[in-house]
Amino acid sequence: FEGDIDEIKQKQWMFLTQLTGGGALYSEKYGPPNMRARHIPFEITPVRAQAWLKIMHETLTETELIGTDGGKALFERLSQIAPIMINCH
Protein backbone atom coordinates (compact mmCIF):
# COMPACT_ATOMS: atom_id res chain seq x y z
CA PHE A 1 0.00 0.00 0.00
CA GLU A 2 1.10 3.53 -0.71
CA GLY A 3 0.41 6.46 1.57
CA ASP A 4 -0.27 6.94 5.26
CA ILE A 5 -0.87 3.46 6.69
CA ASP A 6 -3.01 4.83 9.53
CA GLU A 7 -5.30 6.54 7.02
CA ILE A 8 -5.46 3.35 4.96
CA LYS A 9 -6.38 1.31 8.06
CA GLN A 10 -9.07 3.83 8.99
CA LYS A 11 -10.59 3.75 5.50
CA GLN A 12 -10.51 -0.06 5.46
CA TRP A 13 -12.20 -0.18 8.88
CA MET A 14 -14.88 2.27 7.76
CA PHE A 15 -15.47 0.36 4.53
CA LEU A 16 -15.69 -3.03 6.26
CA THR A 17 -18.00 -1.59 8.91
CA GLN A 18 -20.28 -0.34 6.15
CA LEU A 19 -19.99 -3.57 4.16
CA THR A 20 -21.13 -5.59 7.17
CA GLY A 21 -24.10 -3.35 7.97
CA GLY A 22 -22.56 -1.35 10.81
CA GLY A 23 -23.48 2.04 9.40
CA ALA A 24 -22.55 4.06 6.32
CA LEU A 25 -19.32 5.35 7.86
CA TYR A 26 -17.30 5.23 4.64
CA SER A 27 -19.99 6.82 2.48
CA GLU A 28 -20.68 9.58 4.99
CA LYS A 29 -17.04 10.69 4.90
CA TYR A 30 -15.88 9.82 1.38
CA GLY A 31 -19.03 9.31 -0.68
CA PRO A 32 -20.18 6.06 -2.28
CA PRO A 33 -17.49 3.37 -2.09
CA ASN A 34 -17.29 2.81 -5.89
CA MET A 35 -14.23 0.76 -5.03
CA ARG A 36 -13.10 -0.10 -8.55
CA ALA A 37 -12.97 3.56 -9.60
CA ARG A 38 -11.22 4.55 -6.36
CA HIS A 39 -8.53 1.94 -6.98
CA ILE A 40 -7.85 2.77 -10.67
CA PRO A 41 -4.65 4.68 -9.76
CA PHE A 42 -3.25 1.46 -8.28
CA GLU A 43 -2.07 -1.47 -10.37
CA ILE A 44 -4.18 -4.40 -9.17
CA THR A 45 -3.26 -7.64 -10.89
CA PRO A 46 -4.92 -11.02 -10.34
CA VAL A 47 -1.93 -11.96 -8.15
CA ARG A 48 -2.35 -8.85 -6.00
CA ALA A 49 -6.10 -9.37 -5.69
CA GLN A 50 -5.50 -12.93 -4.51
CA ALA A 51 -2.80 -11.76 -2.08
CA TRP A 52 -5.28 -9.28 -0.56
CA LEU A 53 -7.90 -12.00 -0.29
CA LYS A 54 -5.38 -14.34 1.36
CA ILE A 55 -4.49 -11.68 3.94
CA MET A 56 -8.17 -11.08 4.66
CA HIS A 57 -8.70 -14.83 5.13
CA GLU A 58 -5.68 -15.06 7.45
CA THR A 59 -7.04 -12.16 9.50
CA LEU A 60 -10.46 -13.76 9.79
CA THR A 61 -8.78 -17.02 10.80
CA GLU A 62 -6.53 -15.37 13.42
CA THR A 63 -9.50 -13.57 14.96
CA GLU A 64 -11.52 -16.81 14.88
CA LEU A 65 -14.24 -15.17 12.81
CA ILE A 66 -13.84 -17.46 9.79
CA GLY A 67 -15.68 -20.22 11.66
CA THR A 68 -18.73 -18.04 12.29
CA ASP A 69 -21.62 -17.43 9.93
CA GLY A 70 -20.72 -13.74 9.84
CA GLY A 71 -17.08 -14.45 9.07
CA LYS A 72 -17.98 -16.87 6.31
CA ALA A 73 -20.43 -14.37 4.81
CA LEU A 74 -17.84 -11.59 4.96
CA PHE A 75 -15.20 -13.72 3.26
CA GLU A 76 -17.68 -14.76 0.58
CA ARG A 77 -18.44 -11.08 -0.10
CA LEU A 78 -14.72 -10.21 -0.18
CA SER A 79 -14.20 -13.09 -2.62
CA GLN A 80 -16.75 -11.45 -4.92
CA ILE A 81 -15.08 -8.04 -4.59
CA ALA A 82 -11.48 -9.16 -5.27
CA PRO A 83 -11.88 -10.01 -8.98
CA ILE A 84 -13.84 -6.80 -9.60
CA MET A 85 -10.85 -4.78 -8.39
CA ILE A 86 -8.46 -6.20 -11.01
CA ASN A 87 -7.52 -3.42 -13.43
CA CYS A 88 -4.46 -4.85 -15.19
CA HIS A 89 -3.07 -8.25 -16.11
PDB file of N, CA and C in Angstrom:
ATOM      1  N   PHE A   1       0.827  -1.188   0.000  1.00  0.00           N
ATOM      2  CA  PHE A   1       0.000   0.000   0.000  1.00  0.00           C
ATOM      3  C   PHE A   1       0.867   1.246   0.000  1.00  0.00           C
ATOM      4  N   GLU A   2       0.407   2.243  -0.688  1.00  0.00           N
ATOM      5  CA  GLU A   2       1.103   3.525  -0.714  1.00  0.00           C
ATOM      6  C   GLU A   2       0.344   4.507   0.165  1.00  0.00           C
ATOM      7  N   GLY A   3       1.065   5.431   0.783  1.00  0.00           N
ATOM      8  CA  GLY A   3       0.410   6.465   1.573  1.00  0.00           C
ATOM      9  C   GLY A   3       0.490   6.202   3.064  1.00  0.00           C
ATOM     10  N   ASP A   4      -0.238   7.004   3.803  1.00  0.00           N
ATOM     11  CA  ASP A   4      -0.274   6.938   5.258  1.00  0.00           C
ATOM     12  C   ASP A   4      -1.009   5.669   5.698  1.00  0.00           C
ATOM     13  N   ILE A   5      -0.279   4.738   6.315  1.00  0.00           N
ATOM     14  CA  ILE A   5      -0.869   3.455   6.689  1.00  0.00           C
ATOM     15  C   ILE A   5      -2.014   3.624   7.685  1.00  0.00           C
ATOM     16  N   ASP A   6      -1.920   4.611   8.571  1.00  0.00           N
ATOM     17  CA  ASP A   6      -3.008   4.832   9.528  1.00  0.00           C
ATOM     18  C   ASP A   6      -4.284   5.270   8.813  1.00  0.00           C
ATOM     19  N   GLU A   7      -4.134   6.114   7.807  1.00  0.00           N
ATOM     20  CA  GLU A   7      -5.298   6.541   7.022  1.00  0.00           C
ATOM     21  C   GLU A   7      -5.880   5.355   6.253  1.00  0.00           C
ATOM     22  N   ILE A   8      -5.015   4.530   5.703  1.00  0.00           N
ATOM     23  CA  ILE A   8      -5.462   3.347   4.965  1.00  0.00           C
ATOM     24  C   ILE A   8      -6.226   2.405   5.887  1.00  0.00           C
ATOM     25  N   LYS A   9      -5.698   2.181   7.084  1.00  0.00           N
ATOM     26  CA  LYS A   9      -6.380   1.314   8.058  1.00  0.00           C
ATOM     27  C   LYS A   9      -7.752   1.879   8.420  1.00  0.00           C
ATOM     28  N   GLN A  10      -7.806   3.179   8.627  1.00  0.00           N
ATOM     29  CA  GLN A  10      -9.071   3.829   8.988  1.00  0.00           C
ATOM     30  C   GLN A  10     -10.101   3.674   7.869  1.00  0.00           C
ATOM     31  N   LYS A  11      -9.669   3.898   6.630  1.00  0.00           N
ATOM     32  CA  LYS A  11     -10.585   3.753   5.497  1.00  0.00           C
ATOM     33  C   LYS A  11     -11.065   2.309   5.364  1.00  0.00           C
ATOM     34  N   GLN A  12     -10.141   1.359   5.558  1.00  0.00           N
ATOM     35  CA  GLN A  12     -10.512  -0.057   5.458  1.00  0.00           C
ATOM     36  C   GLN A  12     -11.516  -0.413   6.550  1.00  0.00           C
ATOM     37  N   TRP A  13     -11.281   0.075   7.767  1.00  0.00           N
ATOM     38  CA  TRP A  13     -12.201  -0.183   8.876  1.00  0.00           C
ATOM     39  C   TRP A  13     -13.583   0.397   8.572  1.00  0.00           C
ATOM     40  N   MET A  14     -13.607   1.626   8.077  1.00  0.00           N
ATOM     41  CA  MET A  14     -14.882   2.274   7.759  1.00  0.00           C
ATOM     42  C   MET A  14     -15.612   1.513   6.648  1.00  0.00           C
ATOM     43  N   PHE A  15     -14.865   1.098   5.635  1.00  0.00           N
ATOM     44  CA  PHE A  15     -15.466   0.356   4.531  1.00  0.00           C
ATOM     45  C   PHE A  15     -16.025  -0.982   5.013  1.00  0.00           C
ATOM     46  N   LEU A  16     -15.229  -1.728   5.781  1.00  0.00           N
ATOM     47  CA  LEU A  16     -15.685  -3.033   6.260  1.00  0.00           C
ATOM     48  C   LEU A  16     -16.864  -2.897   7.221  1.00  0.00           C
ATOM     49  N   THR A  17     -16.854  -1.848   8.024  1.00  0.00           N
ATOM     50  CA  THR A  17     -17.995  -1.591   8.912  1.00  0.00           C
ATOM     51  C   THR A  17     -19.252  -1.390   8.083  1.00  0.00           C
ATOM     52  N   GLN A  18     -19.133  -0.601   7.030  1.00  0.00           N
ATOM     53  CA  GLN A  18     -20.279  -0.345   6.151  1.00  0.00           C
ATOM     54  C   GLN A  18     -20.687  -1.614   5.418  1.00  0.00           C
ATOM     55  N   LEU A  19     -19.718  -2.348   4.916  1.00  0.00           N
ATOM     56  CA  LEU A  19     -19.990  -3.573   4.161  1.00  0.00           C
ATOM     57  C   LEU A  19     -20.764  -4.586   4.995  1.00  0.00           C
ATOM     58  N   THR A  20     -20.486  -4.613   6.296  1.00  0.00           N
ATOM     59  CA  THR A  20     -21.128  -5.592   7.173  1.00  0.00           C
ATOM     60  C   THR A  20     -22.365  -5.043   7.873  1.00  0.00           C
ATOM     61  N   GLY A  21     -22.845  -3.885   7.448  1.00  0.00           N
ATOM     62  CA  GLY A  21     -24.097  -3.353   7.968  1.00  0.00           C
ATOM     63  C   GLY A  21     -23.981  -2.537   9.236  1.00  0.00           C
ATOM     64  N   GLY A  22     -22.771  -2.103   9.570  1.00  0.00           N
ATOM     65  CA  GLY A  22     -22.565  -1.348  10.806  1.00  0.00           C
ATOM     66  C   GLY A  22     -22.707   0.147  10.659  1.00  0.00           C
ATOM     67  N   GLY A  23     -23.317   0.607   9.620  1.00  0.00           N
ATOM     68  CA  GLY A  23     -23.479   2.044   9.397  1.00  0.00           C
ATOM     69  C   GLY A  23     -22.707   2.483   8.170  1.00  0.00           C
ATOM     70  N   ALA A  24     -23.147   3.557   7.568  1.00  0.00           N
ATOM     71  CA  ALA A  24     -22.553   4.060   6.322  1.00  0.00           C
ATOM     72  C   ALA A  24     -21.364   4.974   6.609  1.00  0.00           C
ATOM     73  N   LEU A  25     -20.450   4.517   7.451  1.00  0.00           N
ATOM     74  CA  LEU A  25     -19.319   5.352   7.862  1.00  0.00           C
ATOM     75  C   LEU A  25     -18.477   5.816   6.678  1.00  0.00           C
ATOM     76  N   TYR A  26     -18.152   4.892   5.787  1.00  0.00           N
ATOM     77  CA  TYR A  26     -17.304   5.233   4.643  1.00  0.00           C
ATOM     78  C   TYR A  26     -18.010   6.237   3.734  1.00  0.00           C
ATOM     79  N   SER A  27     -19.245   5.950   3.390  1.00  0.00           N
ATOM     80  CA  SER A  27     -19.993   6.823   2.475  1.00  0.00           C
ATOM     81  C   SER A  27     -20.213   8.207   3.051  1.00  0.00           C
ATOM     82  N   GLU A  28     -20.451   8.277   4.354  1.00  0.00           N
ATOM     83  CA  GLU A  28     -20.680   9.577   4.985  1.00  0.00           C
ATOM     84  C   GLU A  28     -19.451  10.475   4.892  1.00  0.00           C
ATOM     85  N   LYS A  29     -18.269   9.885   4.942  1.00  0.00           N
ATOM     86  CA  LYS A  29     -17.042  10.688   4.904  1.00  0.00           C
ATOM     87  C   LYS A  29     -16.486  10.861   3.492  1.00  0.00           C
ATOM     88  N   TYR A  30     -16.542   9.798   2.679  1.00  0.00           N
ATOM     89  CA  TYR A  30     -15.876   9.817   1.376  1.00  0.00           C
ATOM     90  C   TYR A  30     -16.814   9.709   0.177  1.00  0.00           C
ATOM     91  N   GLY A  31     -18.099   9.529   0.419  1.00  0.00           N
ATOM     92  CA  GLY A  31     -19.034   9.315  -0.676  1.00  0.00           C
ATOM     93  C   GLY A  31     -19.185   7.828  -0.954  1.00  0.00           C
ATOM     94  N   PRO A  32     -19.960   7.476  -1.973  1.00  0.00           N
ATOM     95  CA  PRO A  32     -20.181   6.063  -2.280  1.00  0.00           C
ATOM     96  C   PRO A  32     -18.851   5.332  -2.483  1.00  0.00           C
ATOM     97  N   PRO A  33     -18.756   4.089  -1.992  1.00  0.00           N
ATOM     98  CA  PRO A  33     -17.487   3.372  -2.093  1.00  0.00           C
ATOM     99  C   PRO A  33     -16.935   3.282  -3.516  1.00  0.00           C
ATOM    100  N   ASN A  34     -17.759   2.894  -4.502  1.00  0.00           N
ATOM    101  CA  ASN A  34     -17.294   2.814  -5.890  1.00  0.00           C
ATOM    102  C   ASN A  34     -15.838   2.350  -5.937  1.00  0.00           C
ATOM    103  N   MET A  35     -15.594   1.212  -5.307  1.00  0.00           N
ATOM    104  CA  MET A  35     -14.231   0.757  -5.035  1.00  0.00           C
ATOM    105  C   MET A  35     -13.366   0.585  -6.289  1.00  0.00           C
ATOM    106  N   ARG A  36     -13.933   0.084  -7.349  1.00  0.00           N
ATOM    107  CA  ARG A  36     -13.104  -0.104  -8.554  1.00  0.00           C
ATOM    108  C   ARG A  36     -12.559   1.238  -9.043  1.00  0.00           C
ATOM    109  N   ALA A  37     -13.411   2.239  -9.134  1.00  0.00           N
ATOM    110  CA  ALA A  37     -12.969   3.558  -9.598  1.00  0.00           C
ATOM    111  C   ALA A  37     -11.951   4.166  -8.637  1.00  0.00           C
ATOM    112  N   ARG A  38     -12.151   3.989  -7.347  1.00  0.00           N
ATOM    113  CA  ARG A  38     -11.216   4.550  -6.363  1.00  0.00           C
ATOM    114  C   ARG A  38      -9.843   3.897  -6.439  1.00  0.00           C
ATOM    115  N   HIS A  39      -9.793   2.666  -6.934  1.00  0.00           N
ATOM    116  CA  HIS A  39      -8.525   1.942  -6.982  1.00  0.00           C
ATOM    117  C   HIS A  39      -7.849   1.978  -8.360  1.00  0.00           C
ATOM    118  N   ILE A  40      -8.444   2.676  -9.322  1.00  0.00           N
ATOM    119  CA  ILE A  40      -7.853   2.767 -10.666  1.00  0.00           C
ATOM    120  C   ILE A  40      -6.403   3.264 -10.635  1.00  0.00           C
ATOM    121  N   PRO A  41      -6.043   4.215  -9.761  1.00  0.00           N
ATOM    122  CA  PRO A  41      -4.650   4.676  -9.759  1.00  0.00           C
ATOM    123  C   PRO A  41      -3.641   3.607  -9.334  1.00  0.00           C
ATOM    124  N   PHE A  42      -4.138   2.504  -8.777  1.00  0.00           N
ATOM    125  CA  PHE A  42      -3.247   1.458  -8.284  1.00  0.00           C
ATOM    126  C   PHE A  42      -3.309   0.252  -9.206  1.00  0.00           C
ATOM    127  N   GLU A  43      -2.155  -0.315  -9.488  1.00  0.00           N
ATOM    128  CA  GLU A  43      -2.071  -1.472 -10.366  1.00  0.00           C
ATOM    129  C   GLU A  43      -2.498  -2.715  -9.580  1.00  0.00           C
ATOM    130  N   ILE A  44      -3.683  -3.216  -9.866  1.00  0.00           N
ATOM    131  CA  ILE A  44      -4.184  -4.401  -9.167  1.00  0.00           C
ATOM    132  C   ILE A  44      -4.268  -5.543 -10.177  1.00  0.00           C
ATOM    133  N   THR A  45      -3.339  -6.459 -10.036  1.00  0.00           N
ATOM    134  CA  THR A  45      -3.264  -7.638 -10.895  1.00  0.00           C
ATOM    135  C   THR A  45      -4.039  -8.778 -10.234  1.00  0.00           C
ATOM    136  N   PRO A  46      -4.293  -9.853 -10.970  1.00  0.00           N
ATOM    137  CA  PRO A  46      -4.917 -11.018 -10.336  1.00  0.00           C
ATOM    138  C   PRO A  46      -4.104 -11.530  -9.140  1.00  0.00           C
ATOM    139  N   VAL A  47      -2.790 -11.505  -9.252  1.00  0.00           N
ATOM    140  CA  VAL A  47      -1.931 -11.964  -8.149  1.00  0.00           C
ATOM    141  C   VAL A  47      -2.116 -11.073  -6.924  1.00  0.00           C
ATOM    142  N   ARG A  48      -2.164  -9.774  -7.128  1.00  0.00           N
ATOM    143  CA  ARG A  48      -2.346  -8.847  -6.001  1.00  0.00           C
ATOM    144  C   ARG A  48      -3.735  -8.986  -5.387  1.00  0.00           C
ATOM    145  N   ALA A  49      -4.744  -9.180  -6.208  1.00  0.00           N
ATOM    146  CA  ALA A  49      -6.102  -9.369  -5.686  1.00  0.00           C
ATOM    147  C   ALA A  49      -6.165 -10.628  -4.827  1.00  0.00           C
ATOM    148  N   GLN A  50      -5.519 -11.694  -5.296  1.00  0.00           N
ATOM    149  CA  GLN A  50      -5.501 -12.933  -4.515  1.00  0.00           C
ATOM    150  C   GLN A  50      -4.680 -12.778  -3.235  1.00  0.00           C
ATOM    151  N   ALA A  51      -3.607 -12.008  -3.292  1.00  0.00           N
ATOM    152  CA  ALA A  51      -2.801 -11.760  -2.082  1.00  0.00           C
ATOM    153  C   ALA A  51      -3.631 -11.015  -1.044  1.00  0.00           C
ATOM    154  N   TRP A  52      -4.402 -10.023  -1.475  1.00  0.00           N
ATOM    155  CA  TRP A  52      -5.276  -9.283  -0.562  1.00  0.00           C
ATOM    156  C   TRP A  52      -6.305 -10.215   0.058  1.00  0.00           C
ATOM    157  N   LEU A  53      -6.892 -11.061  -0.777  1.00  0.00           N
ATOM    158  CA  LEU A  53      -7.899 -11.995  -0.293  1.00  0.00           C
ATOM    159  C   LEU A  53      -7.288 -12.978   0.707  1.00  0.00           C
ATOM    160  N   LYS A  54      -6.078 -13.422   0.441  1.00  0.00           N
ATOM    161  CA  LYS A  54      -5.379 -14.336   1.358  1.00  0.00           C
ATOM    162  C   LYS A  54      -5.147 -13.668   2.711  1.00  0.00           C
ATOM    163  N   ILE A  55      -4.723 -12.414   2.693  1.00  0.00           N
ATOM    164  CA  ILE A  55      -4.494 -11.677   3.941  1.00  0.00           C
ATOM    165  C   ILE A  55      -5.804 -11.520   4.706  1.00  0.00           C
ATOM    166  N   MET A  56      -6.877 -11.224   4.004  1.00  0.00           N
ATOM    167  CA  MET A  56      -8.171 -11.079   4.664  1.00  0.00           C
ATOM    168  C   MET A  56      -8.601 -12.409   5.289  1.00  0.00           C
ATOM    169  N   HIS A  57      -8.363 -13.517   4.587  1.00  0.00           N
ATOM    170  CA  HIS A  57      -8.704 -14.834   5.130  1.00  0.00           C
ATOM    171  C   HIS A  57      -7.862 -15.138   6.365  1.00  0.00           C
ATOM    172  N   GLU A  58      -6.564 -14.841   6.295  1.00  0.00           N
ATOM    173  CA  GLU A  58      -5.684 -15.062   7.448  1.00  0.00           C
ATOM    174  C   GLU A  58      -6.144 -14.245   8.654  1.00  0.00           C
ATOM    175  N   THR A  59      -6.557 -13.021   8.411  1.00  0.00           N
ATOM    176  CA  THR A  59      -7.038 -12.162   9.499  1.00  0.00           C
ATOM    177  C   THR A  59      -8.309 -12.729  10.115  1.00  0.00           C
ATOM    178  N   LEU A  60      -9.229 -13.161   9.279  1.00  0.00           N
ATOM    179  CA  LEU A  60     -10.465 -13.755   9.794  1.00  0.00           C
ATOM    180  C   LEU A  60     -10.180 -15.051  10.551  1.00  0.00           C
ATOM    181  N   THR A  61      -9.167 -15.792  10.113  1.00  0.00           N
ATOM    182  CA  THR A  61      -8.783 -17.022  10.804  1.00  0.00           C
ATOM    183  C   THR A  61      -8.153 -16.701  12.154  1.00  0.00           C
ATOM    184  N   GLU A  62      -7.217 -15.754  12.172  1.00  0.00           N
ATOM    185  CA  GLU A  62      -6.533 -15.374  13.416  1.00  0.00           C
ATOM    186  C   GLU A  62      -7.503 -14.835  14.461  1.00  0.00           C
ATOM    187  N   THR A  63      -8.524 -14.140  14.022  1.00  0.00           N
ATOM    188  CA  THR A  63      -9.501 -13.570  14.958  1.00  0.00           C
ATOM    189  C   THR A  63     -10.644 -14.548  15.244  1.00  0.00           C
ATOM    190  N   GLU A  64     -10.537 -15.736  14.687  1.00  0.00           N
ATOM    191  CA  GLU A  64     -11.515 -16.808  14.882  1.00  0.00           C
ATOM    192  C   GLU A  64     -12.902 -16.457  14.352  1.00  0.00           C
ATOM    193  N   LEU A  65     -12.953 -15.532  13.414  1.00  0.00           N
ATOM    194  CA  LEU A  65     -14.237 -15.169  12.809  1.00  0.00           C
ATOM    195  C   LEU A  65     -14.596 -16.062  11.628  1.00  0.00           C
ATOM    196  N   ILE A  66     -13.585 -16.677  11.001  1.00  0.00           N
ATOM    197  CA  ILE A  66     -13.838 -17.456   9.792  1.00  0.00           C
ATOM    198  C   ILE A  66     -14.777 -18.626  10.068  1.00  0.00           C
ATOM    199  N   GLY A  67     -14.806 -19.104  11.307  1.00  0.00           N
ATOM    200  CA  GLY A  67     -15.681 -20.219  11.656  1.00  0.00           C
ATOM    201  C   GLY A  67     -17.110 -19.815  11.972  1.00  0.00           C
ATOM    202  N   THR A  68     -17.381 -18.524  11.986  1.00  0.00           N
ATOM    203  CA  THR A  68     -18.731 -18.044  12.289  1.00  0.00           C
ATOM    204  C   THR A  68     -19.502 -17.782  10.999  1.00  0.00           C
ATOM    205  N   ASP A  69     -20.805 -17.741  11.114  1.00  0.00           N
ATOM    206  CA  ASP A  69     -21.622 -17.433   9.931  1.00  0.00           C
ATOM    207  C   ASP A  69     -21.267 -16.058   9.375  1.00  0.00           C
ATOM    208  N   GLY A  70     -21.079 -15.086  10.275  1.00  0.00           N
ATOM    209  CA  GLY A  70     -20.723 -13.737   9.841  1.00  0.00           C
ATOM    210  C   GLY A  70     -19.380 -13.690   9.141  1.00  0.00           C
ATOM    211  N   GLY A  71     -18.405 -14.403   9.679  1.00  0.00           N
ATOM    212  CA  GLY A  71     -17.075 -14.446   9.071  1.00  0.00           C
ATOM    213  C   GLY A  71     -17.099 -15.105   7.708  1.00  0.00           C
ATOM    214  N   LYS A  72     -17.857 -16.182   7.602  1.00  0.00           N
ATOM    215  CA  LYS A  72     -17.983 -16.870   6.311  1.00  0.00           C
ATOM    216  C   LYS A  72     -18.667 -15.969   5.284  1.00  0.00           C
ATOM    217  N   ALA A  73     -19.715 -15.278   5.721  1.00  0.00           N
ATOM    218  CA  ALA A  73     -20.434 -14.372   4.814  1.00  0.00           C
ATOM    219  C   ALA A  73     -19.536 -13.220   4.369  1.00  0.00           C
ATOM    220  N   LEU A  74     -18.757 -12.681   5.306  1.00  0.00           N
ATOM    221  CA  LEU A  74     -17.842 -11.592   4.960  1.00  0.00           C
ATOM    222  C   LEU A  74     -16.808 -12.064   3.953  1.00  0.00           C
ATOM    223  N   PHE A  75     -16.217 -13.235   4.188  1.00  0.00           N
ATOM    224  CA  PHE A  75     -15.200 -13.717   3.257  1.00  0.00           C
ATOM    225  C   PHE A  75     -15.802 -14.014   1.888  1.00  0.00           C
ATOM    226  N   GLU A  76     -17.012 -14.522   1.866  1.00  0.00           N
ATOM    227  CA  GLU A  76     -17.681 -14.762   0.583  1.00  0.00           C
ATOM    228  C   GLU A  76     -17.857 -13.445  -0.176  1.00  0.00           C
ATOM    229  N   ARG A  77     -18.259 -12.399   0.537  1.00  0.00           N
ATOM    230  CA  ARG A  77     -18.437 -11.079  -0.096  1.00  0.00           C
ATOM    231  C   ARG A  77     -17.101 -10.536  -0.589  1.00  0.00           C
ATOM    232  N   LEU A  78     -16.054 -10.673   0.230  1.00  0.00           N
ATOM    233  CA  LEU A  78     -14.724 -10.208  -0.177  1.00  0.00           C
ATOM    234  C   LEU A  78     -14.236 -10.984  -1.400  1.00  0.00           C
ATOM    235  N   SER A  79     -14.582 -12.265  -1.469  1.00  0.00           N
ATOM    236  CA  SER A  79     -14.201 -13.093  -2.621  1.00  0.00           C
ATOM    237  C   SER A  79     -14.887 -12.622  -3.900  1.00  0.00           C
ATOM    238  N   GLN A  80     -16.058 -12.017  -3.758  1.00  0.00           N
ATOM    239  CA  GLN A  80     -16.754 -11.450  -4.917  1.00  0.00           C
ATOM    240  C   GLN A  80     -16.139 -10.113  -5.322  1.00  0.00           C
ATOM    241  N   ILE A  81     -15.660  -9.363  -4.339  1.00  0.00           N
ATOM    242  CA  ILE A  81     -15.084  -8.040  -4.593  1.00  0.00           C
ATOM    243  C   ILE A  81     -13.709  -8.139  -5.249  1.00  0.00           C
ATOM    244  N   ALA A  82     -12.875  -9.076  -4.804  1.00  0.00           N
ATOM    245  CA  ALA A  82     -11.481  -9.164  -5.268  1.00  0.00           C
ATOM    246  C   ALA A  82     -11.345  -9.172  -6.794  1.00  0.00           C
ATOM    247  N   PRO A  83     -12.065 -10.015  -7.524  1.00  0.00           N
ATOM    248  CA  PRO A  83     -11.884 -10.009  -8.981  1.00  0.00           C
ATOM    249  C   PRO A  83     -12.364  -8.723  -9.655  1.00  0.00           C
ATOM    250  N   ILE A  84     -13.328  -8.052  -9.045  1.00  0.00           N
ATOM    251  CA  ILE A  84     -13.837  -6.797  -9.603  1.00  0.00           C
ATOM    252  C   ILE A  84     -12.766  -5.712  -9.562  1.00  0.00           C
ATOM    253  N   MET A  85     -11.870  -5.805  -8.587  1.00  0.00           N
ATOM    254  CA  MET A  85     -10.846  -4.784  -8.386  1.00  0.00           C
ATOM    255  C   MET A  85      -9.696  -4.873  -9.392  1.00  0.00           C
ATOM    256  N   ILE A  86      -9.566  -6.001 -10.059  1.00  0.00           N
ATOM    257  CA  ILE A  86      -8.461  -6.197 -11.008  1.00  0.00           C
ATOM    258  C   ILE A  86      -8.588  -5.193 -12.148  1.00  0.00           C
ATOM    259  N   ASN A  87      -7.498  -4.438 -12.369  1.00  0.00           N
ATOM    260  CA  ASN A  87      -7.524  -3.424 -13.426  1.00  0.00           C
ATOM    261  C   ASN A  87      -6.343  -3.541 -14.390  1.00  0.00           C
ATOM    262  N   CYS A  88      -5.537  -4.568 -14.223  1.00  0.00           N
ATOM    263  CA  CYS A  88      -4.463  -4.849 -15.188  1.00  0.00           C
ATOM    264  C   CYS A  88      -4.047  -6.309 -15.046  1.00  0.00           C
ATOM    265  N   HIS A  89      -3.470  -6.829 -16.121  1.00  0.00           N
ATOM    266  CA  HIS A  89      -3.068  -8.249 -16.110  1.00  0.00           C
ATOM    267  C   HIS A  89      -1.598  -8.397 -16.346  1.00  0.00           C
TER     268      HIS A  89
END
